[in-house]
């Protein structure tokens, strides 16, 4: 006897799934008009699908104010579930294609530090040349958001410890160093000395910034923040132009004739880089192989 398919969908589920896709498109596009353009259908067709979905579910998915739509609280919760479910479905389809070799789906890899992440990407590219690598750089906050939205398969990110329920694999430890002009008189810096100097700091959401500010707070120090920039390259350029000193993670410090990199005295401020994915993503061969070839010695 053939075993029944677990959780077999009902005939009407196909229509519900189509309407949920339309609903999610409206949420992510920010309105019916833009969603209709993305879907290649008319605005009335999108509005009809939303009304039918609301009637089926018995909830209001949007709050209406004139022509403006805002997602309701229940609508936002439903959108998060749909986004996660469609992401898991995409992972499943990619896994099937990878096993059958019918189609080579890409591996989407996000990172904040290319100097470190490209080492991992290069190892994987040489070990698995059949899989196309798609790379994206972003800060830590943006990387987790993209992973949760299933826009990325694997990210490399600085963490203090593994973060359940994600699958986290240690990759490398880094410590904070400080970029200074070549003419700067110091040969080492204490955390207190660093706090007394103007500092060029990474933006909020940066792991480097979080580590440093926690260290200042623990030591009872208030740093002199000159200004904030979005990239480590901008930190180096600001130091070069005399705006202040630039804390960075040591493997990310630039090599330049007009700059030096100093270690901090009194113990390193360290952070660990991890490879992170959803646990369910390990069913997808390229994700599983990426972790395998980049396992720390």
C-alpha atoms as a PDB file:
ATOM      1  CA  UNK A   1       0.000   0.000   0.000  1.00  0.00           C
ATOM      2  CA  UNK A   2       1.263   3.459  -0.885  1.00  0.00           C
ATOM      3  CA  UNK A   3       1.883   5.605   2.166  1.00  0.00           C
ATOM      4  CA  UNK A   4      -0.252   8.759   2.267  1.00  0.00           C
ATOM      5  CA  UNK A   5       1.472  12.084   1.682  1.00  0.00           C
ATOM      6  CA  UNK A   6       1.848  13.753   5.093  1.00  0.00           C
ATOM      7  CA  UNK A   7      -0.146  16.937   5.442  1.00  0.00           C
ATOM      8  CA  UNK A   8      -1.591  16.548   1.933  1.00  0.00           C
ATOM      9  CA  UNK A   9      -2.946  19.897   0.676  1.00  0.00           C
ATOM     10  CA  UNK A  10      -6.641  20.332   0.065  1.00  0.00           C
ATOM     11  CA  UNK A  11      -7.818  21.230  -3.455  1.00  0.00           C
ATOM     12  CA  UNK A  12      -8.652  24.783  -2.368  1.00  0.00           C
ATOM     13  CA  UNK A  13      -5.170  25.326  -0.915  1.00  0.00           C
ATOM     14  CA  UNK A  14      -3.727  26.205  -4.329  1.00  0.00           C
ATOM     15  CA  UNK A  15      -6.027  29.222  -4.555  1.00  0.00           C
ATOM     16  CA  UNK A  16      -5.154  30.273  -1.007  1.00  0.00           C
ATOM     17  CA  UNK A  17      -1.445  29.993  -1.747  1.00  0.00           C
ATOM     18  CA  UNK A  18      -1.804  32.194  -4.850  1.00  0.00           C
ATOM     19  CA  UNK A  19      -3.648  34.802  -2.798  1.00  0.00           C
ATOM     20  CA  UNK A  20      -1.014  34.687  -0.070  1.00  0.00           C
ATOM     21  CA  UNK A  21       1.678  35.329  -2.696  1.00  0.00           C
ATOM     22  CA  UNK A  22      -0.305  38.332  -3.941  1.00  0.00           C
ATOM     23  CA  UNK A  23      -0.742  39.573  -0.355  1.00  0.00           C
ATOM     24  CA  UNK A  24       2.994  39.274   0.363  1.00  0.00           C
ATOM     25  CA  UNK A  25       3.789  41.161  -2.848  1.00  0.00           C
ATOM     26  CA  UNK A  26       1.489  44.009  -1.766  1.00  0.00           C
ATOM     27  CA  UNK A  27       3.190  44.123   1.641  1.00  0.00           C
ATOM     28  CA  UNK A  28       6.697  44.162   0.190  1.00  0.00           C
ATOM     29  CA  UNK A  29       5.867  46.554  -2.665  1.00  0.00           C
ATOM     30  CA  UNK A  30       4.154  48.947  -0.276  1.00  0.00           C
ATOM     31  CA  UNK A  31       0.886  49.212  -2.183  1.00  0.00           C
ATOM     32  CA  UNK A  32      -1.564  47.647  -4.615  1.00  0.00           C
ATOM     33  CA  UNK A  33      -0.381  49.628  -7.631  1.00  0.00           C
ATOM     34  CA  UNK A  34       3.279  48.668  -7.329  1.00  0.00           C
ATOM     35  CA  UNK A  35       2.318  45.061  -6.526  1.00  0.00           C
ATOM     36  CA  UNK A  36       0.133  44.906  -9.654  1.00  0.00           C
ATOM     37  CA  UNK A  37       3.042  46.115 -11.790  1.00  0.00           C
ATOM     38  CA  UNK A  38       5.364  43.512 -10.261  1.00  0.00           C
ATOM     39  CA  UNK A  39       2.817  40.737 -10.794  1.00  0.00           C
ATOM     40  CA  UNK A  40       1.868  41.882 -14.304  1.00  0.00           C
ATOM     41  CA  UNK A  41      -1.847  42.126 -13.515  1.00  0.00           C
ATOM     42  CA  UNK A  42      -4.389  44.911 -13.015  1.00  0.00           C
ATOM     43  CA  UNK A  43      -4.892  46.739  -9.730  1.00  0.00           C
ATOM     44  CA  UNK A  44      -8.525  45.561  -9.481  1.00  0.00           C
ATOM     45  CA  UNK A  45      -7.325  41.951  -9.832  1.00  0.00           C
ATOM     46  CA  UNK A  46      -4.923  42.412  -6.909  1.00  0.00           C
ATOM     47  CA  UNK A  47      -7.609  44.099  -4.786  1.00  0.00           C
ATOM     48  CA  UNK A  48     -10.017  41.251  -5.518  1.00  0.00           C
ATOM     49  CA  UNK A  49      -7.485  38.641  -4.403  1.00  0.00           C
ATOM     50  CA  UNK A  50      -6.850  40.534  -1.168  1.00  0.00           C
ATOM     51  CA  UNK A  51     -10.586  40.829  -0.407  1.00  0.00           C
ATOM     52  CA  UNK A  52     -11.097  37.104  -1.044  1.00  0.00           C
ATOM     53  CA  UNK A  53      -8.156  36.226   1.192  1.00  0.00           C
ATOM     54  CA  UNK A  54      -9.507  38.433   3.986  1.00  0.00           C
ATOM     55  CA  UNK A  55     -12.927  36.802   3.632  1.00  0.00           C
ATOM     56  CA  UNK A  56     -11.389  33.314   3.706  1.00  0.00           C
ATOM     57  CA  UNK A  57      -9.213  34.040   6.749  1.00  0.00           C
ATOM     58  CA  UNK A  58     -11.737  36.204   8.551  1.00  0.00           C
ATOM     59  CA  UNK A  59      -9.228  38.972   9.291  1.00  0.00           C
ATOM     60  CA  UNK A  60      -8.432  42.454   8.018  1.00  0.00           C
ATOM     61  CA  UNK A  61      -4.966  42.301   6.506  1.00  0.00           C
ATOM     62  CA  UNK A  62      -4.652  46.061   6.037  1.00  0.00           C
ATOM     63  CA  UNK A  63      -5.838  49.210   7.737  1.00  0.00           C
ATOM     64  CA  UNK A  64      -7.341  51.510   5.139  1.00  0.00           C
ATOM     65  CA  UNK A  65      -7.048  55.274   5.388  1.00  0.00           C
ATOM     66  CA  UNK A  66      -8.278  56.893   2.196  1.00  0.00           C
ATOM     67  CA  UNK A  67      -6.096  55.493  -0.545  1.00  0.00           C
ATOM     68  CA  UNK A  68      -3.295  54.494   1.786  1.00  0.00           C
ATOM     69  CA  UNK A  69      -2.799  50.955   3.054  1.00  0.00           C
ATOM     70  CA  UNK A  70      -0.996  49.979   6.243  1.00  0.00           C
ATOM     71  CA  UNK A  71      -0.482  46.363   7.218  1.00  0.00           C
ATOM     72  CA  UNK A  72      -2.553  45.385  10.246  1.00  0.00           C
ATOM     73  CA  UNK A  73      -0.970  43.650  13.222  1.00  0.00           C
ATOM     74  CA  UNK A  74      -2.443  40.305  12.163  1.00  0.00           C
ATOM     75  CA  UNK A  75      -1.458  41.012   8.561  1.00  0.00           C
ATOM     76  CA  UNK A  76       2.164  41.582   9.577  1.00  0.00           C
ATOM     77  CA  UNK A  77       2.214  38.289  11.484  1.00  0.00           C
ATOM     78  CA  UNK A  78       0.709  36.454   8.511  1.00  0.00           C
ATOM     79  CA  UNK A  79       3.198  38.076   6.110  1.00  0.00           C
ATOM     80  CA  UNK A  80       6.099  36.859   8.272  1.00  0.00           C
ATOM     81  CA  UNK A  81       4.749  33.294   8.243  1.00  0.00           C
ATOM     82  CA  UNK A  82       4.164  33.375   4.466  1.00  0.00           C
ATOM     83  CA  UNK A  83       7.632  34.800   3.811  1.00  0.00           C
ATOM     84  CA  UNK A  84       9.212  32.061   5.910  1.00  0.00           C
ATOM     85  CA  UNK A  85       7.098  29.343   4.273  1.00  0.00           C
ATOM     86  CA  UNK A  86       7.898  30.483   0.741  1.00  0.00           C
ATOM     87  CA  UNK A  87      11.567  30.681   1.657  1.00  0.00           C
ATOM     88  CA  UNK A  88      11.506  27.120   2.962  1.00  0.00           C
ATOM     89  CA  UNK A  89       9.714  26.020  -0.227  1.00  0.00           C
ATOM     90  CA  UNK A  90      12.426  27.657  -2.345  1.00  0.00           C
ATOM     91  CA  UNK A  91      15.092  25.823  -0.323  1.00  0.00           C
ATOM     92  CA  UNK A  92      13.271  22.538  -0.890  1.00  0.00           C
ATOM     93  CA  UNK A  93      13.023  23.109  -4.648  1.00  0.00           C
ATOM     94  CA  UNK A  94      16.706  24.029  -4.846  1.00  0.00           C
ATOM     95  CA  UNK A  95      17.605  20.883  -2.887  1.00  0.00           C
ATOM     96  CA  UNK A  96      15.589  18.710  -5.297  1.00  0.00           C
ATOM     97  CA  UNK A  97      17.257  20.350  -8.301  1.00  0.00           C
ATOM     98  CA  UNK A  98      20.693  19.899  -6.768  1.00  0.00           C
ATOM     99  CA  UNK A  99      20.097  16.200  -6.044  1.00  0.00           C
ATOM    100  CA  UNK A 100      18.699  15.536  -9.517  1.00  0.00           C
ATOM    101  CA  UNK A 101      21.331  17.723 -11.210  1.00  0.00           C
ATOM    102  CA  UNK A 102      18.478  19.081 -13.328  1.00  0.00           C
ATOM    103  CA  UNK A 103      19.366  22.655 -12.510  1.00  0.00           C
ATOM    104  CA  UNK A 104      22.202  24.318 -10.667  1.00  0.00           C
ATOM    105  CA  UNK A 105      20.659  26.826  -8.280  1.00  0.00           C
ATOM    106  CA  UNK A 106      23.022  29.475  -6.882  1.00  0.00           C
ATOM    107  CA  UNK A 107      24.397  29.837  -3.372  1.00  0.00           C
ATOM    108  CA  UNK A 108      23.686  33.327  -2.044  1.00  0.00           C
ATOM    109  CA  UNK A 109      26.391  34.367   0.426  1.00  0.00           C
ATOM    110  CA  UNK A 110      26.277  37.590   2.438  1.00  0.00           C
ATOM    111  CA  UNK A 111      28.996  39.174   4.564  1.00  0.00           C
ATOM    112  CA  UNK A 112      30.162  42.405   6.157  1.00  0.00           C
ATOM    113  CA  UNK A 113      33.927  41.879   5.851  1.00  0.00           C
ATOM    114  CA  UNK A 114      35.060  40.942   2.331  1.00  0.00           C
ATOM    115  CA  UNK A 115      38.659  40.494   3.465  1.00  0.00           C
ATOM    116  CA  UNK A 116      37.547  37.502   5.549  1.00  0.00           C
ATOM    117  CA  UNK A 117      34.488  36.261   3.683  1.00  0.00           C
ATOM    118  CA  UNK A 118      36.181  36.041   0.291  1.00  0.00           C
ATOM    119  CA  UNK A 119      38.590  33.493   1.771  1.00  0.00           C
ATOM    120  CA  UNK A 120      35.601  31.251   2.503  1.00  0.00           C
ATOM    121  CA  UNK A 121      34.030  32.008  -0.874  1.00  0.00           C
ATOM    122  CA  UNK A 122      37.250  31.122  -2.697  1.00  0.00           C
ATOM    123  CA  UNK A 123      37.597  27.801  -0.845  1.00  0.00           C
ATOM    124  CA  UNK A 124      34.028  26.890  -1.797  1.00  0.00           C
ATOM    125  CA  UNK A 125      34.405  28.042  -5.412  1.00  0.00           C
ATOM    126  CA  UNK A 126      37.407  25.766  -5.899  1.00  0.00           C
ATOM    127  CA  UNK A 127      35.730  22.824  -4.145  1.00  0.00           C
ATOM    128  CA  UNK A 128      32.341  23.218  -5.883  1.00  0.00           C
ATOM    129  CA  UNK A 129      32.853  24.973  -9.255  1.00  0.00           C
ATOM    130  CA  UNK A 130      29.438  23.826 -10.515  1.00  0.00           C
ATOM    131  CA  UNK A 131      27.543  26.075  -8.093  1.00  0.00           C
ATOM    132  CA  UNK A 132      27.295  29.768  -8.946  1.00  0.00           C
ATOM    133  CA  UNK A 133      28.140  32.044  -6.001  1.00  0.00           C
ATOM    134  CA  UNK A 134      26.111  35.217  -5.560  1.00  0.00           C
ATOM    135  CA  UNK A 135      27.810  37.624  -3.132  1.00  0.00           C
ATOM    136  CA  UNK A 136      26.335  40.517  -1.153  1.00  0.00           C
ATOM    137  CA  UNK A 137      28.002  42.908   1.292  1.00  0.00           C
ATOM    138  CA  UNK A 138      25.975  44.509   4.112  1.00  0.00           C
ATOM    139  CA  UNK A 139      26.227  45.286   7.815  1.00  0.00           C
ATOM    140  CA  UNK A 140      25.315  42.797  10.539  1.00  0.00           C
ATOM    141  CA  UNK A 141      21.738  43.988  11.021  1.00  0.00           C
ATOM    142  CA  UNK A 142      21.014  43.898   7.295  1.00  0.00           C
ATOM    143  CA  UNK A 143      22.549  40.428   6.931  1.00  0.00           C
ATOM    144  CA  UNK A 144      20.279  38.825   9.511  1.00  0.00           C
ATOM    145  CA  UNK A 145      17.263  40.577   7.970  1.00  0.00           C
ATOM    146  CA  UNK A 146      18.162  39.182   4.533  1.00  0.00           C
ATOM    147  CA  UNK A 147      18.697  35.701   5.991  1.00  0.00           C
ATOM    148  CA  UNK A 148      15.327  35.826   7.758  1.00  0.00           C
ATOM    149  CA  UNK A 149      13.685  36.955   4.495  1.00  0.00           C
ATOM    150  CA  UNK A 150      15.365  34.019   2.676  1.00  0.00           C
ATOM    151  CA  UNK A 151      17.160  36.455   0.373  1.00  0.00           C
ATOM    152  CA  UNK A 152      20.480  34.882   1.445  1.00  0.00           C
ATOM    153  CA  UNK A 153      21.396  31.223   2.056  1.00  0.00           C
ATOM    154  CA  UNK A 154      24.514  31.699   4.212  1.00  0.00           C
ATOM    155  CA  UNK A 155      25.971  34.738   5.936  1.00  0.00           C
ATOM    156  CA  UNK A 156      29.307  35.388   7.622  1.00  0.00           C
ATOM    157  CA  UNK A 157      28.800  37.567  10.652  1.00  0.00           C
ATOM    158  CA  UNK A 158      30.445  38.534  13.910  1.00  0.00           C
ATOM    159  CA  UNK A 159      28.805  36.961  16.967  1.00  0.00           C
ATOM    160  CA  UNK A 160      29.680  36.659  20.632  1.00  0.00           C
ATOM    161  CA  UNK A 161      28.338  33.089  20.643  1.00  0.00           C
ATOM    162  CA  UNK A 162      26.248  30.804  18.413  1.00  0.00           C
ATOM    163  CA  UNK A 163      22.703  32.110  18.037  1.00  0.00           C
ATOM    164  CA  UNK A 164      19.948  29.464  18.259  1.00  0.00           C
ATOM    165  CA  UNK A 165      17.911  28.397  16.364  1.00  0.00           C
ATOM    166  CA  UNK A 166      20.257  29.277  13.486  1.00  0.00           C
ATOM    167  CA  UNK A 167      22.949  26.836  12.390  1.00  0.00           C
ATOM    168  CA  UNK A 168      26.222  28.562  13.356  1.00  0.00           C
ATOM    169  CA  UNK A 169      29.742  27.361  12.583  1.00  0.00           C
ATOM    170  CA  UNK A 170      32.838  29.137  13.949  1.00  0.00           C
ATOM    171  CA  UNK A 171      35.136  30.461  11.235  1.00  0.00           C
ATOM    172  CA  UNK A 172      37.757  32.859  12.668  1.00  0.00           C
ATOM    173  CA  UNK A 173      38.529  35.057  15.696  1.00  0.00           C
ATOM    174  CA  UNK A 174      39.421  38.723  15.293  1.00  0.00           C
ATOM    175  CA  UNK A 175      40.531  41.477  17.673  1.00  0.00           C
ATOM    176  CA  UNK A 176      40.038  45.225  17.443  1.00  0.00           C
ATOM    177  CA  UNK A 177      43.019  47.236  16.237  1.00  0.00           C
ATOM    178  CA  UNK A 178      43.237  50.976  15.640  1.00  0.00           C
ATOM    179  CA  UNK A 179      44.173  52.685  12.372  1.00  0.00           C
ATOM    180  CA  UNK A 180      46.328  55.783  12.939  1.00  0.00           C
ATOM    181  CA  UNK A 181      48.205  58.149  10.623  1.00  0.00           C
ATOM    182  CA  UNK A 182      51.799  57.111  10.049  1.00  0.00           C
ATOM    183  CA  UNK A 183      52.925  60.271  11.857  1.00  0.00           C
ATOM    184  CA  UNK A 184      51.013  59.436  15.046  1.00  0.00           C
ATOM    185  CA  UNK A 185      53.513  59.244  17.961  1.00  0.00           C
ATOM    186  CA  UNK A 186      52.019  56.221  19.748  1.00  0.00           C
ATOM    187  CA  UNK A 187      53.336  52.687  19.333  1.00  0.00           C
ATOM    188  CA  UNK A 188      50.514  51.133  21.399  1.00  0.00           C
ATOM    189  CA  UNK A 189      47.218  52.424  22.785  1.00  0.00           C
ATOM    190  CA  UNK A 190      45.245  51.650  25.906  1.00  0.00           C
ATOM    191  CA  UNK A 191      41.463  51.747  25.829  1.00  0.00           C
ATOM    192  CA  UNK A 192      41.566  54.868  28.022  1.00  0.00           C
ATOM    193  CA  UNK A 193      43.973  56.592  25.612  1.00  0.00           C
ATOM    194  CA  UNK A 194      41.720  55.648  22.694  1.00  0.00           C
ATOM    195  CA  UNK A 195      38.704  57.147  24.503  1.00  0.00           C
ATOM    196  CA  UNK A 196      40.553  60.452  24.841  1.00  0.00           C
ATOM    197  CA  UNK A 197      41.195  60.715  21.094  1.00  0.00           C
ATOM    198  CA  UNK A 198      38.616  61.623  18.415  1.00  0.00           C
ATOM    199  CA  UNK A 199      37.321  58.351  16.951  1.00  0.00           C
ATOM    200  CA  UNK A 200      35.899  57.572  13.510  1.00  0.00           C
ATOM    201  CA  UNK A 201      33.284  54.936  14.261  1.00  0.00           C
ATOM    202  CA  UNK A 202      31.358  52.459  12.110  1.00  0.00           C
ATOM    203  CA  UNK A 203      27.588  52.887  11.775  1.00  0.00           C
ATOM    204  CA  UNK A 204      25.001  51.436  14.150  1.00  0.00           C
ATOM    205  CA  UNK A 205      24.473  47.762  13.354  1.00  0.00           C
ATOM    206  CA  UNK A 206      28.203  47.161  12.904  1.00  0.00           C
ATOM    207  CA  UNK A 207      29.716  44.346  14.980  1.00  0.00           C
ATOM    208  CA  UNK A 208      32.973  46.324  15.358  1.00  0.00           C
ATOM    209  CA  UNK A 209      31.066  49.251  16.841  1.00  0.00           C
ATOM    210  CA  UNK A 210      29.113  46.997  19.238  1.00  0.00           C
ATOM    211  CA  UNK A 211      32.276  45.322  20.559  1.00  0.00           C
ATOM    212  CA  UNK A 212      34.058  48.631  21.080  1.00  0.00           C
ATOM    213  CA  UNK A 213      31.163  50.461  22.736  1.00  0.00           C
ATOM    214  CA  UNK A 214      30.591  47.549  25.130  1.00  0.00           C
ATOM    215  CA  UNK A 215      34.274  47.664  26.092  1.00  0.00           C
ATOM    216  CA  UNK A 216      34.093  51.434  26.719  1.00  0.00           C
ATOM    217  CA  UNK A 217      30.945  51.026  28.827  1.00  0.00           C
ATOM    218  CA  UNK A 218      32.453  48.173  30.862  1.00  0.00           C
ATOM    219  CA  UNK A 219      35.504  50.346  31.582  1.00  0.00           C
ATOM    220  CA  UNK A 220      33.380  53.379  32.511  1.00  0.00           C
ATOM    221  CA  UNK A 221      34.733  55.396  29.589  1.00  0.00           C
ATOM    222  CA  UNK A 222      32.927  57.802  27.254  1.00  0.00           C
ATOM    223  CA  UNK A 223      34.600  57.959  23.826  1.00  0.00           C
ATOM    224  CA  UNK A 224      35.000  61.110  21.734  1.00  0.00           C
ATOM    225  CA  UNK A 225      33.166  60.142  18.536  1.00  0.00           C
ATOM    226  CA  UNK A 226      34.233  62.416  15.678  1.00  0.00           C
ATOM    227  CA  UNK A 227      31.633  61.008  13.271  1.00  0.00           C
ATOM    228  CA  UNK A 228      30.220  57.771  11.901  1.00  0.00           C
ATOM    229  CA  UNK A 229      30.792  56.147   8.510  1.00  0.00           C
ATOM    230  CA  UNK A 230      29.310  53.159   6.734  1.00  0.00           C
ATOM    231  CA  UNK A 231      32.373  51.179   5.618  1.00  0.00           C
ATOM    232  CA  UNK A 232      35.838  50.273   6.878  1.00  0.00           C
ATOM    233  CA  UNK A 233      37.259  51.901   3.727  1.00  0.00           C
ATOM    234  CA  UNK A 234      35.603  55.155   4.792  1.00  0.00           C
ATOM    235  CA  UNK A 235      37.124  54.733   8.274  1.00  0.00           C
ATOM    236  CA  UNK A 236      40.601  54.522   6.719  1.00  0.00           C
ATOM    237  CA  UNK A 237      39.991  57.553   4.503  1.00  0.00           C
ATOM    238  CA  UNK A 238      38.740  59.616   7.450  1.00  0.00           C
ATOM    239  CA  UNK A 239      41.857  58.700   9.456  1.00  0.00           C
ATOM    240  CA  UNK A 240      43.986  59.617   6.465  1.00  0.00           C
ATOM    241  CA  UNK A 241      42.369  63.075   6.372  1.00  0.00           C
ATOM    242  CA  UNK A 242      42.947  63.662  10.077  1.00  0.00           C
ATOM    243  CA  UNK A 243      39.415  63.341  11.456  1.00  0.00           C
ATOM    244  CA  UNK A 244      40.409  60.870  14.152  1.00  0.00           C
ATOM    245  CA  UNK A 245      41.574  57.321  14.889  1.00  0.00           C
ATOM    246  CA  UNK A 246      39.816  54.336  13.332  1.00  0.00           C
ATOM    247  CA  UNK A 247      39.006  51.151  15.280  1.00  0.00           C
ATOM    248  CA  UNK A 248      38.626  48.119  12.999  1.00  0.00           C
ATOM    249  CA  UNK A 249      38.870  44.348  13.334  1.00  0.00           C
ATOM    250  CA  UNK A 250      42.476  43.334  12.769  1.00  0.00           C
ATOM    251  CA  UNK A 251      42.014  41.195   9.643  1.00  0.00           C
ATOM    252  CA  UNK A 252      40.118  44.090   8.056  1.00  0.00           C
ATOM    253  CA  UNK A 253      42.761  46.777   8.565  1.00  0.00           C
ATOM    254  CA  UNK A 254      43.905  48.302   5.246  1.00  0.00           C
ATOM    255  CA  UNK A 255      47.460  48.050   3.964  1.00  0.00           C
ATOM    256  CA  UNK A 256      48.634  51.573   3.164  1.00  0.00           C
ATOM    257  CA  UNK A 257      51.966  53.389   3.244  1.00  0.00           C
ATOM    258  CA  UNK A 258      50.508  56.448   4.993  1.00  0.00           C
ATOM    259  CA  UNK A 259      48.702  54.535   7.797  1.00  0.00           C
ATOM    260  CA  UNK A 260      49.677  52.250  10.685  1.00  0.00           C
ATOM    261  CA  UNK A 261      47.676  49.774  12.741  1.00  0.00           C
ATOM    262  CA  UNK A 262      48.137  49.624  16.520  1.00  0.00           C
ATOM    263  CA  UNK A 263      47.109  46.917  18.952  1.00  0.00           C
ATOM    264  CA  UNK A 264      45.154  47.822  22.066  1.00  0.00           C
ATOM    265  CA  UNK A 265      46.908  47.227  25.396  1.00  0.00           C
ATOM    266  CA  UNK A 266      45.396  45.453  28.367  1.00  0.00           C
ATOM    267  CA  UNK A 267      43.778  42.522  26.625  1.00  0.00           C
ATOM    268  CA  UNK A 268      42.226  42.166  23.246  1.00  0.00           C
ATOM    269  CA  UNK A 269      38.652  43.127  22.435  1.00  0.00           C
ATOM    270  CA  UNK A 270      37.828  40.009  20.456  1.00  0.00           C
ATOM    271  CA  UNK A 271      34.902  38.867  18.355  1.00  0.00           C
ATOM    272  CA  UNK A 272      34.294  35.658  16.439  1.00  0.00           C
ATOM    273  CA  UNK A 273      33.190  35.342  12.821  1.00  0.00           C
ATOM    274  CA  UNK A 274      30.603  32.628  12.201  1.00  0.00           C
ATOM    275  CA  UNK A 275      29.030  31.097   9.123  1.00  0.00           C
ATOM    276  CA  UNK A 276      25.275  31.145   9.720  1.00  0.00           C
ATOM    277  CA  UNK A 277      22.224  29.693   7.960  1.00  0.00           C
ATOM    278  CA  UNK A 278      18.778  28.429   8.787  1.00  0.00           C
ATOM    279  CA  UNK A 279      19.040  24.850  10.037  1.00  0.00           C
ATOM    280  CA  UNK A 280      16.627  23.773   7.279  1.00  0.00           C
ATOM    281  CA  UNK A 281      19.011  25.179   4.636  1.00  0.00           C
ATOM    282  CA  UNK A 282      21.378  22.266   5.288  1.00  0.00           C
ATOM    283  CA  UNK A 283      19.078  20.091   3.182  1.00  0.00           C
ATOM    284  CA  UNK A 284      20.380  22.091   0.201  1.00  0.00           C
ATOM    285  CA  UNK A 285      23.618  20.549  -1.067  1.00  0.00           C
ATOM    286  CA  UNK A 286      25.586  23.747  -1.815  1.00  0.00           C
ATOM    287  CA  UNK A 287      24.853  25.110   1.688  1.00  0.00           C
ATOM    288  CA  UNK A 288      25.902  21.830   3.276  1.00  0.00           C
ATOM    289  CA  UNK A 289      29.077  21.719   1.166  1.00  0.00           C
ATOM    290  CA  UNK A 290      29.884  25.370   1.956  1.00  0.00           C
ATOM    291  CA  UNK A 291      29.914  24.589   5.667  1.00  0.00           C
ATOM    292  CA  UNK A 292      31.891  21.383   5.126  1.00  0.00           C
ATOM    293  CA  UNK A 293      34.781  22.924   3.162  1.00  0.00           C
ATOM    294  CA  UNK A 294      35.026  25.908   5.533  1.00  0.00           C
ATOM    295  CA  UNK A 295      35.097  24.000   8.781  1.00  0.00           C
ATOM    296  CA  UNK A 296      37.662  25.512  11.170  1.00  0.00           C
ATOM    297  CA  UNK A 297      40.749  23.372  11.802  1.00  0.00           C
END
